[in-house]
PDB file of N, CA and C in Angstrom:
ATOM      1  N   MET A   1     -69.621 -72.400-104.234  1.00  0.00           N
ATOM      2  CA  MET A   1     -68.639 -73.470-104.314  1.00  0.00           C
ATOM      3  C   MET A   1     -68.868 -74.428-103.148  1.00  0.00           C
ATOM      4  N   ALA A   2     -69.018 -75.664-103.432  1.00  0.00           N
ATOM      5  CA  ALA A   2     -69.226 -76.672-102.391  1.00  0.00           C
ATOM      6  C   ALA A   2     -67.876 -77.161-101.855  1.00  0.00           C
ATOM      7  N   THR A   3     -67.934 -77.729-100.684  1.00  0.00           N
ATOM      8  CA  THR A   3     -66.740 -78.286-100.058  1.00  0.00           C
ATOM      9  C   THR A   3     -66.350 -79.571-100.782  1.00  0.00           C
ATOM     10  N   ASP A   4     -65.060 -79.726-101.087  1.00  0.00           N
ATOM     11  CA  ASP A   4     -64.640 -80.952-101.776  1.00  0.00           C
ATOM     12  C   ASP A   4     -64.235 -82.014-100.757  1.00  0.00           C
ATOM     13  N   ILE A   5     -64.349 -83.256-101.165  1.00  0.00           N
ATOM     14  CA  ILE A   5     -64.131 -84.387-100.260  1.00  0.00           C
ATOM     15  C   ILE A   5     -62.687 -84.442 -99.754  1.00  0.00           C
ATOM     16  N   GLY A   6     -61.749 -83.963-100.529  1.00  0.00           N
ATOM     17  CA  GLY A   6     -60.356 -83.924-100.068  1.00  0.00           C
ATOM     18  C   GLY A   6     -60.191 -83.029 -98.849  1.00  0.00           C
ATOM     19  N   PHE A   7     -60.890 -81.900 -98.839  1.00  0.00           N
ATOM     20  CA  PHE A   7     -60.849 -81.002 -97.683  1.00  0.00           C
ATOM     21  C   PHE A   7     -61.501 -81.658 -96.476  1.00  0.00           C
ATOM     22  N   VAL A   8     -62.610 -82.347 -96.693  1.00  0.00           N
ATOM     23  CA  VAL A   8     -63.304 -83.042 -95.608  1.00  0.00           C
ATOM     24  C   VAL A   8     -62.371 -84.073 -94.966  1.00  0.00           C
ATOM     25  N   GLU A   9     -61.685 -84.847 -95.790  1.00  0.00           N
ATOM     26  CA  GLU A   9     -60.751 -85.855 -95.275  1.00  0.00           C
ATOM     27  C   GLU A   9     -59.607 -85.206 -94.509  1.00  0.00           C
ATOM     28  N   TYR A  10     -59.104 -84.077 -94.995  1.00  0.00           N
ATOM     29  CA  TYR A  10     -58.033 -83.352 -94.311  1.00  0.00           C
ATOM     30  C   TYR A  10     -58.485 -82.888 -92.925  1.00  0.00           C
ATOM     31  N   VAL A  11     -59.680 -82.319 -92.842  1.00  0.00           N
ATOM     32  CA  VAL A  11     -60.219 -81.859 -91.563  1.00  0.00           C
ATOM     33  C   VAL A  11     -60.327 -83.033 -90.598  1.00  0.00           C
ATOM     34  N   CYS A  12     -60.839 -84.152 -91.081  1.00  0.00           N
ATOM     35  CA  CYS A  12     -60.986 -85.337 -90.230  1.00  0.00           C
ATOM     36  C   CYS A  12     -59.627 -85.841 -89.730  1.00  0.00           C
ATOM     37  N   GLU A  13     -58.616 -85.791 -90.578  1.00  0.00           N
ATOM     38  CA  GLU A  13     -57.266 -86.204 -90.174  1.00  0.00           C
ATOM     39  C   GLU A  13     -56.698 -85.261 -89.111  1.00  0.00           C
ATOM     40  N   GLN A  14     -56.948 -83.965 -89.252  1.00  0.00           N
ATOM     41  CA  GLN A  14     -56.407 -82.981 -88.319  1.00  0.00           C
ATOM     42  C   GLN A  14     -56.926 -83.189 -86.893  1.00  0.00           C
ATOM     43  N   VAL A  15     -58.150 -83.677 -86.744  1.00  0.00           N
ATOM     44  CA  VAL A  15     -58.738 -83.831 -85.409  1.00  0.00           C
ATOM     45  C   VAL A  15     -58.919 -85.300 -85.017  1.00  0.00           C
ATOM     46  N   ALA A  16     -58.275 -86.201 -85.738  1.00  0.00           N
ATOM     47  CA  ALA A  16     -58.452 -87.639 -85.514  1.00  0.00           C
ATOM     48  C   ALA A  16     -58.094 -88.076 -84.095  1.00  0.00           C
ATOM     49  N   GLU A  17     -57.151 -87.413 -83.459  1.00  0.00           N
ATOM     50  CA  GLU A  17     -56.736 -87.823 -82.120  1.00  0.00           C
ATOM     51  C   GLU A  17     -57.780 -87.510 -81.047  1.00  0.00           C
ATOM     52  N   CYS A  18     -58.849 -86.809 -81.414  1.00  0.00           N
ATOM     53  CA  CYS A  18     -59.891 -86.423 -80.447  1.00  0.00           C
ATOM     54  C   CYS A  18     -60.920 -87.520 -80.197  1.00  0.00           C
ATOM     55  N   GLY A  19     -60.889 -88.571 -80.982  1.00  0.00           N
ATOM     56  CA  GLY A  19     -61.848 -89.655 -80.796  1.00  0.00           C
ATOM     57  C   GLY A  19     -62.321 -90.209 -82.121  1.00  0.00           C
ATOM     58  N   HIS A  20     -63.519 -90.737 -82.116  1.00  0.00           N
ATOM     59  CA  HIS A  20     -64.116 -91.333 -83.313  1.00  0.00           C
ATOM     60  C   HIS A  20     -64.631 -90.210 -84.218  1.00  0.00           C
ATOM     61  N   VAL A  21     -64.006 -90.026 -85.384  1.00  0.00           N
ATOM     62  CA  VAL A  21     -64.334 -88.919 -86.283  1.00  0.00           C
ATOM     63  C   VAL A  21     -65.002 -89.462 -87.541  1.00  0.00           C
ATOM     64  N   THR A  22     -66.170 -88.914 -87.855  1.00  0.00           N
ATOM     65  CA  THR A  22     -66.894 -89.266 -89.076  1.00  0.00           C
ATOM     66  C   THR A  22     -67.413 -87.977 -89.703  1.00  0.00           C
ATOM     67  N   ASN A  23     -67.940 -88.102 -90.912  1.00  0.00           N
ATOM     68  CA  ASN A  23     -68.539 -86.939 -91.555  1.00  0.00           C
ATOM     69  C   ASN A  23     -69.796 -87.364 -92.289  1.00  0.00           C
ATOM     70  N   ARG A  24     -70.628 -86.394 -92.549  1.00  0.00           N
ATOM     71  CA  ARG A  24     -71.884 -86.664 -93.236  1.00  0.00           C
ATOM     72  C   ARG A  24     -72.197 -85.487 -94.148  1.00  0.00           C
ATOM     73  N   LYS A  25     -72.577 -85.809 -95.375  1.00  0.00           N
ATOM     74  CA  LYS A  25     -72.950 -84.768 -96.323  1.00  0.00           C
ATOM     75  C   LYS A  25     -74.342 -84.264 -95.973  1.00  0.00           C
ATOM     76  N   MET A  26     -74.463 -82.936 -95.901  1.00  0.00           N
ATOM     77  CA  MET A  26     -75.741 -82.320 -95.558  1.00  0.00           C
ATOM     78  C   MET A  26     -75.959 -81.095 -96.438  1.00  0.00           C
ATOM     79  N   PHE A  27     -76.987 -81.109 -97.233  1.00  0.00           N
ATOM     80  CA  PHE A  27     -77.361 -79.967 -98.062  1.00  0.00           C
ATOM     81  C   PHE A  27     -76.208 -79.502 -98.960  1.00  0.00           C
ATOM     82  N   GLY A  28     -75.434 -80.432 -99.466  1.00  0.00           N
ATOM     83  CA  GLY A  28     -74.321 -80.102-100.346  1.00  0.00           C
ATOM     84  C   GLY A  28     -73.038 -79.747 -99.623  1.00  0.00           C
ATOM     85  N   GLU A  29     -73.087 -79.640 -98.320  1.00  0.00           N
ATOM     86  CA  GLU A  29     -71.907 -79.362 -97.514  1.00  0.00           C
ATOM     87  C   GLU A  29     -71.721 -80.514 -96.526  1.00  0.00           C
ATOM     88  N   TYR A  30     -70.894 -80.344 -95.503  1.00  0.00           N
ATOM     89  CA  TYR A  30     -70.584 -81.461 -94.607  1.00  0.00           C
ATOM     90  C   TYR A  30     -70.634 -81.056 -93.139  1.00  0.00           C
ATOM     91  N   MET A  31     -70.960 -82.037 -92.316  1.00  0.00           N
ATOM     92  CA  MET A  31     -70.860 -81.920 -90.868  1.00  0.00           C
ATOM     93  C   MET A  31     -69.846 -82.965 -90.429  1.00  0.00           C
ATOM     94  N   VAL A  32     -68.907 -82.566 -89.572  1.00  0.00           N
ATOM     95  CA  VAL A  32     -67.939 -83.506 -89.016  1.00  0.00           C
ATOM     96  C   VAL A  32     -68.381 -83.814 -87.588  1.00  0.00           C
ATOM     97  N   TYR A  33     -68.480 -85.114 -87.316  1.00  0.00           N
ATOM     98  CA  TYR A  33     -68.893 -85.603 -86.005  1.00  0.00           C
ATOM     99  C   TYR A  33     -67.674 -86.156 -85.284  1.00  0.00           C
ATOM    100  N   VAL A  34     -67.560 -85.830 -84.013  1.00  0.00           N
ATOM    101  CA  VAL A  34     -66.510 -86.388 -83.169  1.00  0.00           C
ATOM    102  C   VAL A  34     -67.213 -87.036 -81.984  1.00  0.00           C
ATOM    103  N   ASN A  35     -66.956 -88.334 -81.812  1.00  0.00           N
ATOM    104  CA  ASN A  35     -67.616 -89.111 -80.756  1.00  0.00           C
ATOM    105  C   ASN A  35     -69.140 -88.992 -80.859  1.00  0.00           C
ATOM    106  N   LEU A  36     -69.618 -89.055 -82.104  1.00  0.00           N
ATOM    107  CA  LEU A  36     -71.045 -89.023 -82.453  1.00  0.00           C
ATOM    108  C   LEU A  36     -71.706 -87.658 -82.265  1.00  0.00           C
ATOM    109  N   LYS A  37     -70.912 -86.621 -81.961  1.00  0.00           N
ATOM    110  CA  LYS A  37     -71.457 -85.280 -81.741  1.00  0.00           C
ATOM    111  C   LYS A  37     -71.139 -84.382 -82.939  1.00  0.00           C
ATOM    112  N   PRO A  38     -72.125 -83.641 -83.454  1.00  0.00           N
ATOM    113  CA  PRO A  38     -71.867 -82.740 -84.584  1.00  0.00           C
ATOM    114  C   PRO A  38     -71.110 -81.493 -84.114  1.00  0.00           C
ATOM    115  N   LEU A  39     -69.836 -81.394 -84.468  1.00  0.00           N
ATOM    116  CA  LEU A  39     -69.005 -80.308 -83.936  1.00  0.00           C
ATOM    117  C   LEU A  39     -68.514 -79.316 -84.972  1.00  0.00           C
ATOM    118  N   LEU A  40     -68.183 -79.773 -86.170  1.00  0.00           N
ATOM    119  CA  LEU A  40     -67.574 -78.895 -87.165  1.00  0.00           C
ATOM    120  C   LEU A  40     -68.454 -78.827 -88.414  1.00  0.00           C
ATOM    121  N   LEU A  41     -68.806 -77.628 -88.823  1.00  0.00           N
ATOM    122  CA  LEU A  41     -69.584 -77.418 -90.026  1.00  0.00           C
ATOM    123  C   LEU A  41     -68.630 -76.985 -91.131  1.00  0.00           C
ATOM    124  N   LEU A  42     -68.632 -77.702 -92.244  1.00  0.00           N
ATOM    125  CA  LEU A  42     -67.753 -77.384 -93.361  1.00  0.00           C
ATOM    126  C   LEU A  42     -68.592 -76.826 -94.504  1.00  0.00           C
ATOM    127  N   CYS A  43     -68.301 -75.602 -94.891  1.00  0.00           N
ATOM    128  CA  CYS A  43     -68.985 -74.944 -96.001  1.00  0.00           C
ATOM    129  C   CYS A  43     -67.948 -74.209 -96.836  1.00  0.00           C
ATOM    130  N   ASP A  44     -67.980 -74.411 -98.137  1.00  0.00           N
ATOM    131  CA  ASP A  44     -67.047 -73.738 -99.043  1.00  0.00           C
ATOM    132  C   ASP A  44     -65.592 -73.905 -98.616  1.00  0.00           C
ATOM    133  N   ASN A  45     -65.230 -75.129 -98.225  1.00  0.00           N
ATOM    134  CA  ASN A  45     -63.860 -75.445 -97.795  1.00  0.00           C
ATOM    135  C   ASN A  45     -63.396 -74.571 -96.634  1.00  0.00           C
ATOM    136  N   THR A  46     -64.312 -74.272 -95.742  1.00  0.00           N
ATOM    137  CA  THR A  46     -64.035 -73.493 -94.540  1.00  0.00           C
ATOM    138  C   THR A  46     -64.657 -74.218 -93.361  1.00  0.00           C
ATOM    139  N   VAL A  47     -63.968 -74.207 -92.211  1.00  0.00           N
ATOM    140  CA  VAL A  47     -64.474 -74.870 -91.007  1.00  0.00           C
ATOM    141  C   VAL A  47     -65.119 -73.816 -90.107  1.00  0.00           C
ATOM    142  N   PHE A  48     -66.396 -74.014 -89.832  1.00  0.00           N
ATOM    143  CA  PHE A  48     -67.149 -73.100 -88.983  1.00  0.00           C
ATOM    144  C   PHE A  48     -67.462 -73.746 -87.645  1.00  0.00           C
ATOM    145  N   ILE A  49     -67.357 -72.941 -86.589  1.00  0.00           N
ATOM    146  CA  ILE A  49     -67.636 -73.374 -85.223  1.00  0.00           C
ATOM    147  C   ILE A  49     -68.720 -72.459 -84.667  1.00  0.00           C
ATOM    148  N   LYS A  50     -69.748 -73.066 -84.105  1.00  0.00           N
ATOM    149  CA  LYS A  50     -70.821 -72.292 -83.491  1.00  0.00           C
ATOM    150  C   LYS A  50     -70.231 -71.433 -82.370  1.00  0.00           C
ATOM    151  N   LYS A  51     -70.696 -70.197 -82.268  1.00  0.00           N
ATOM    152  CA  LYS A  51     -70.199 -69.290 -81.224  1.00  0.00           C
ATOM    153  C   LYS A  51     -70.819 -69.678 -79.884  1.00  0.00           C
ATOM    154  N   ILE A  52     -70.022 -70.370 -79.078  1.00  0.00           N
ATOM    155  CA  ILE A  52     -70.457 -70.736 -77.730  1.00  0.00           C
ATOM    156  C   ILE A  52     -69.348 -70.365 -76.748  1.00  0.00           C
ATOM    157  N   GLU A  53     -69.738 -70.219 -75.505  1.00  0.00           N
ATOM    158  CA  GLU A  53     -68.815 -69.757 -74.472  1.00  0.00           C
ATOM    159  C   GLU A  53     -67.612 -70.682 -74.279  1.00  0.00           C
ATOM    160  N   ALA A  54     -67.809 -71.982 -74.469  1.00  0.00           N
ATOM    161  CA  ALA A  54     -66.745 -72.957 -74.213  1.00  0.00           C
ATOM    162  C   ALA A  54     -65.508 -72.746 -75.078  1.00  0.00           C
ATOM    163  N   VAL A  55     -65.659 -72.113 -76.233  1.00  0.00           N
ATOM    164  CA  VAL A  55     -64.516 -71.898 -77.120  1.00  0.00           C
ATOM    165  C   VAL A  55     -64.221 -70.413 -77.353  1.00  0.00           C
ATOM    166  N   ALA A  56     -64.926 -69.545 -76.670  1.00  0.00           N
ATOM    167  CA  ALA A  56     -64.763 -68.103 -76.886  1.00  0.00           C
ATOM    168  C   ALA A  56     -63.326 -67.632 -76.643  1.00  0.00           C
ATOM    169  N   ASP A  57     -62.708 -68.091 -75.568  1.00  0.00           N
ATOM    170  CA  ASP A  57     -61.326 -67.676 -75.283  1.00  0.00           C
ATOM    171  C   ASP A  57     -60.348 -68.253 -76.299  1.00  0.00           C
ATOM    172  N   LEU A  58     -60.556 -69.510 -76.685  1.00  0.00           N
ATOM    173  CA  LEU A  58     -59.660 -70.156 -77.651  1.00  0.00           C
ATOM    174  C   LEU A  58     -59.722 -69.484 -79.020  1.00  0.00           C
ATOM    175  N   LEU A  59     -60.904 -68.987 -79.380  1.00  0.00           N
ATOM    176  CA  LEU A  59     -61.095 -68.423 -80.711  1.00  0.00           C
ATOM    177  C   LEU A  59     -61.297 -66.905 -80.686  1.00  0.00           C
ATOM    178  N   ALA A  60     -60.811 -66.261 -79.633  1.00  0.00           N
ATOM    179  CA  ALA A  60     -60.977 -64.810 -79.490  1.00  0.00           C
ATOM    180  C   ALA A  60     -60.378 -64.041 -80.665  1.00  0.00           C
ATOM    181  N   ASP A  61     -59.292 -64.546 -81.233  1.00  0.00           N
ATOM    182  CA  ASP A  61     -58.626 -63.857 -82.335  1.00  0.00           C
ATOM    183  C   ASP A  61     -59.023 -64.402 -83.703  1.00  0.00           C
ATOM    184  N   ALA A  62     -59.952 -65.360 -83.733  1.00  0.00           N
ATOM    185  CA  ALA A  62     -60.357 -65.997 -84.995  1.00  0.00           C
ATOM    186  C   ALA A  62     -61.251 -65.075 -85.814  1.00  0.00           C
ATOM    187  N   SER A  63     -61.213 -65.268 -87.108  1.00  0.00           N
ATOM    188  CA  SER A  63     -62.145 -64.573 -87.988  1.00  0.00           C
ATOM    189  C   SER A  63     -63.532 -65.149 -87.767  1.00  0.00           C
ATOM    190  N   CYS A  64     -64.530 -64.421 -88.196  1.00  0.00           N
ATOM    191  CA  CYS A  64     -65.909 -64.889 -88.097  1.00  0.00           C
ATOM    192  C   CYS A  64     -66.563 -64.774 -89.462  1.00  0.00           C
ATOM    193  N   GLY A  65     -67.606 -65.562 -89.650  1.00  0.00           N
ATOM    194  CA  GLY A  65     -68.313 -65.506 -90.921  1.00  0.00           C
ATOM    195  C   GLY A  65     -69.618 -66.273 -90.836  1.00  0.00           C
ATOM    196  N   PHE A  66     -70.322 -66.295 -91.947  1.00  0.00           N
ATOM    197  CA  PHE A  66     -71.615 -66.956 -92.025  1.00  0.00           C
ATOM    198  C   PHE A  66     -71.497 -68.158 -92.960  1.00  0.00           C
ATOM    199  N   PRO A  67     -71.782 -69.361 -92.453  1.00  0.00           N
ATOM    200  CA  PRO A  67     -71.608 -70.552 -93.286  1.00  0.00           C
ATOM    201  C   PRO A  67     -72.589 -70.626 -94.457  1.00  0.00           C
ATOM    202  N   TYR A  68     -73.764 -70.033 -94.314  1.00  0.00           N
ATOM    203  CA  TYR A  68     -74.762 -70.032 -95.381  1.00  0.00           C
ATOM    204  C   TYR A  68     -75.736 -68.884 -95.124  1.00  0.00           C
ATOM    205  N   LYS A  69     -76.484 -68.541 -96.132  1.00  0.00           N
ATOM    206  CA  LYS A  69     -77.426 -67.433 -96.039  1.00  0.00           C
ATOM    207  C   LYS A  69     -78.457 -67.711 -94.950  1.00  0.00           C
ATOM    208  N   GLY A  70     -78.628 -66.751 -94.076  1.00  0.00           N
ATOM    209  CA  GLY A  70     -79.599 -66.880 -93.004  1.00  0.00           C
ATOM    210  C   GLY A  70     -79.041 -67.486 -91.723  1.00  0.00           C
ATOM    211  N   ALA A  71     -77.789 -67.909 -91.739  1.00  0.00           N
ATOM    212  CA  ALA A  71     -77.164 -68.511 -90.552  1.00  0.00           C
ATOM    213  C   ALA A  71     -76.689 -67.422 -89.606  1.00  0.00           C
ATOM    214  N   LYS A  72     -76.535 -67.804 -88.342  1.00  0.00           N
ATOM    215  CA  LYS A  72     -75.913 -66.915 -87.369  1.00  0.00           C
ATOM    216  C   LYS A  72     -74.412 -66.894 -87.625  1.00  0.00           C
ATOM    217  N   GLU A  73     -73.754 -65.871 -87.104  1.00  0.00           N
ATOM    218  CA  GLU A  73     -72.310 -65.755 -87.277  1.00  0.00           C
ATOM    219  C   GLU A  73     -71.609 -66.875 -86.503  1.00  0.00           C
ATOM    220  N   HIS A  74     -70.588 -67.475 -87.114  1.00  0.00           N
ATOM    221  CA  HIS A  74     -69.790 -68.550 -86.533  1.00  0.00           C
ATOM    222  C   HIS A  74     -68.323 -68.125 -86.507  1.00  0.00           C
ATOM    223  N   TYR A  75     -67.548 -68.778 -85.646  1.00  0.00           N
ATOM    224  CA  TYR A  75     -66.096 -68.642 -85.711  1.00  0.00           C
ATOM    225  C   TYR A  75     -65.608 -69.421 -86.927  1.00  0.00           C
ATOM    226  N   ILE A  76     -64.508 -68.978 -87.500  1.00  0.00           N
ATOM    227  CA  ILE A  76     -63.838 -69.716 -88.567  1.00  0.00           C
ATOM    228  C   ILE A  76     -62.572 -70.305 -87.965  1.00  0.00           C
ATOM    229  N   LEU A  77     -62.481 -71.627 -87.982  1.00  0.00           N
ATOM    230  CA  LEU A  77     -61.348 -72.337 -87.384  1.00  0.00           C
ATOM    231  C   LEU A  77     -60.213 -72.481 -88.385  1.00  0.00           C
ATOM    232  N   ASP A  78     -59.009 -72.130 -87.959  1.00  0.00           N
ATOM    233  CA  ASP A  78     -57.808 -72.347 -88.780  1.00  0.00           C
ATOM    234  C   ASP A  78     -57.426 -73.815 -88.637  1.00  0.00           C
ATOM    235  N   ILE A  79     -57.965 -74.649 -89.509  1.00  0.00           N
ATOM    236  CA  ILE A  79     -57.775 -76.091 -89.399  1.00  0.00           C
ATOM    237  C   ILE A  79     -56.319 -76.492 -89.644  1.00  0.00           C
ATOM    238  N   ASP A  80     -55.532 -75.620 -90.253  1.00  0.00           N
ATOM    239  CA  ASP A  80     -54.115 -75.920 -90.462  1.00  0.00           C
ATOM    240  C   ASP A  80     -53.333 -75.887 -89.151  1.00  0.00           C
ATOM    241  N   ASP A  81     -53.858 -75.213 -88.149  1.00  0.00           N
ATOM    242  CA  ASP A  81     -53.249 -75.178 -86.819  1.00  0.00           C
ATOM    243  C   ASP A  81     -53.787 -76.384 -86.039  1.00  0.00           C
ATOM    244  N   ARG A  82     -53.088 -77.497 -86.137  1.00  0.00           N
ATOM    245  CA  ARG A  82     -53.570 -78.751 -85.556  1.00  0.00           C
ATOM    246  C   ARG A  82     -53.755 -78.657 -84.041  1.00  0.00           C
ATOM    247  N   ASP A  83     -52.808 -78.036 -83.344  1.00  0.00           N
ATOM    248  CA  ASP A  83     -52.910 -77.941 -81.888  1.00  0.00           C
ATOM    249  C   ASP A  83     -54.171 -77.178 -81.473  1.00  0.00           C
ATOM    250  N   LEU A  84     -54.417 -76.051 -82.117  1.00  0.00           N
ATOM    251  CA  LEU A  84     -55.616 -75.273 -81.822  1.00  0.00           C
ATOM    252  C   LEU A  84     -56.876 -76.066 -82.179  1.00  0.00           C
ATOM    253  N   SER A  85     -56.862 -76.714 -83.325  1.00  0.00           N
ATOM    254  CA  SER A  85     -58.028 -77.486 -83.771  1.00  0.00           C
ATOM    255  C   SER A  85     -58.375 -78.580 -82.778  1.00  0.00           C
ATOM    256  N   VAL A  86     -57.375 -79.293 -82.313  1.00  0.00           N
ATOM    257  CA  VAL A  86     -57.600 -80.361 -81.334  1.00  0.00           C
ATOM    258  C   VAL A  86     -58.124 -79.783 -80.026  1.00  0.00           C
ATOM    259  N   GLU A  87     -57.539 -78.678 -79.595  1.00  0.00           N
ATOM    260  CA  GLU A  87     -57.977 -78.043 -78.351  1.00  0.00           C
ATOM    261  C   GLU A  87     -59.443 -77.584 -78.441  1.00  0.00           C
ATOM    262  N   VAL A  88     -59.811 -76.999 -79.569  1.00  0.00           N
ATOM    263  CA  VAL A  88     -61.191 -76.539 -79.777  1.00  0.00           C
ATOM    264  C   VAL A  88     -62.151 -77.729 -79.806  1.00  0.00           C
ATOM    265  N   VAL A  89     -61.807 -78.768 -80.544  1.00  0.00           N
ATOM    266  CA  VAL A  89     -62.685 -79.940 -80.637  1.00  0.00           C
ATOM    267  C   VAL A  89     -62.843 -80.597 -79.270  1.00  0.00           C
ATOM    268  N   ARG A  90     -61.791 -80.694 -78.503  1.00  0.00           N
ATOM    269  CA  ARG A  90     -61.906 -81.281 -77.159  1.00  0.00           C
ATOM    270  C   ARG A  90     -62.803 -80.432 -76.253  1.00  0.00           C
ATOM    271  N   ALA A  91     -62.696 -79.113 -76.370  1.00  0.00           N
ATOM    272  CA  ALA A  91     -63.561 -78.232 -75.584  1.00  0.00           C
ATOM    273  C   ALA A  91     -65.021 -78.385 -76.009  1.00  0.00           C
ATOM    274  N   LEU A  92     -65.251 -78.474 -77.299  1.00  0.00           N
ATOM    275  CA  LEU A  92     -66.615 -78.665 -77.805  1.00  0.00           C
ATOM    276  C   LEU A  92     -67.181 -80.017 -77.383  1.00  0.00           C
ATOM    277  N   ASP A  93     -66.351 -81.032 -77.431  1.00  0.00           N
ATOM    278  CA  ASP A  93     -66.796 -82.389 -77.079  1.00  0.00           C
ATOM    279  C   ASP A  93     -67.283 -82.443 -75.633  1.00  0.00           C
ATOM    280  N   LYS A  94     -66.642 -81.677 -74.758  1.00  0.00           N
ATOM    281  CA  LYS A  94     -67.019 -81.676 -73.341  1.00  0.00           C
ATOM    282  C   LYS A  94     -68.407 -81.084 -73.106  1.00  0.00           C
ATOM    283  N   VAL A  95     -68.807 -80.112 -73.918  1.00  0.00           N
ATOM    284  CA  VAL A  95     -70.058 -79.393 -73.651  1.00  0.00           C
ATOM    285  C   VAL A  95     -71.199 -79.713 -74.616  1.00  0.00           C
ATOM    286  N   THR A  96     -70.900 -80.445 -75.659  1.00  0.00           N
ATOM    287  CA  THR A  96     -71.922 -80.747 -76.665  1.00  0.00           C
ATOM    288  C   THR A  96     -72.590 -82.078 -76.325  1.00  0.00           C
ATOM    289  N   PRO A  97     -73.910 -82.077 -76.182  1.00  0.00           N
ATOM    290  CA  PRO A  97     -74.609 -83.328 -75.888  1.00  0.00           C
ATOM    291  C   PRO A  97     -74.732 -84.200 -77.136  1.00  0.00           C
ATOM    292  N   LEU A  98     -74.933 -85.481 -76.913  1.00  0.00           N
ATOM    293  CA  LEU A  98     -75.211 -86.375 -78.034  1.00  0.00           C
ATOM    294  C   LEU A  98     -76.569 -85.990 -78.625  1.00  0.00           C
ATOM    295  N   PRO A  99     -76.713 -86.108 -79.947  1.00  0.00           N
ATOM    296  CA  PRO A  99     -78.017 -85.808 -80.544  1.00  0.00           C
ATOM    297  C   PRO A  99     -79.084 -86.784 -80.008  1.00  0.00           C
ATOM    298  N   LYS A 100     -80.301 -86.289 -79.914  1.00  0.00           N
ATOM    299  CA  LYS A 100     -81.395 -87.148 -79.471  1.00  0.00           C
ATOM    300  C   LYS A 100     -81.682 -88.177 -80.557  1.00  0.00           C
ATOM    301  N   PRO A 101     -81.976 -89.421 -80.154  1.00  0.00           N
ATOM    302  CA  PRO A 101     -82.277 -90.446 -81.158  1.00  0.00           C
ATOM    303  C   PRO A 101     -83.555 -90.108 -81.941  1.00  0.00           C
ATOM    304  N   LYS A 102     -83.519 -90.455 -83.221  1.00  0.00           N
ATOM    305  CA  LYS A 102     -84.713 -90.219 -84.051  1.00  0.00           C
ATOM    306  C   LYS A 102     -85.768 -91.247 -83.729  1.00  0.00           C
ATOM    307  N   LYS A 103     -87.021 -90.804 -83.752  1.00  0.00           N
ATOM    308  CA  LYS A 103     -88.122 -91.716 -83.456  1.00  0.00           C
ATOM    309  C   LYS A 103     -88.515 -92.502 -84.683  1.00  0.00           C
TER     310      LYS A 103
END
């Protein structure tokens, strides 16, 4: 089951206060960018967060799962919890570098 555009728009609305939020369709699923940084992976109407130290404490009680076959385990973000979602995105934004420009 692919992620539907209504869910993508909902996720973007939930974290809109964090900065410039956009999304891009990738391989039938979506990546949500905040301030030009790829932060949230959306697969099967679920928000996945890469397991990194910057959000480990915030997501200590979160479920984990695999966004696609062959992927590493990710945290699953409860996007309905707006306060937590904003806090996680702000933490990710601080430590995630801008993507390198394509040549």
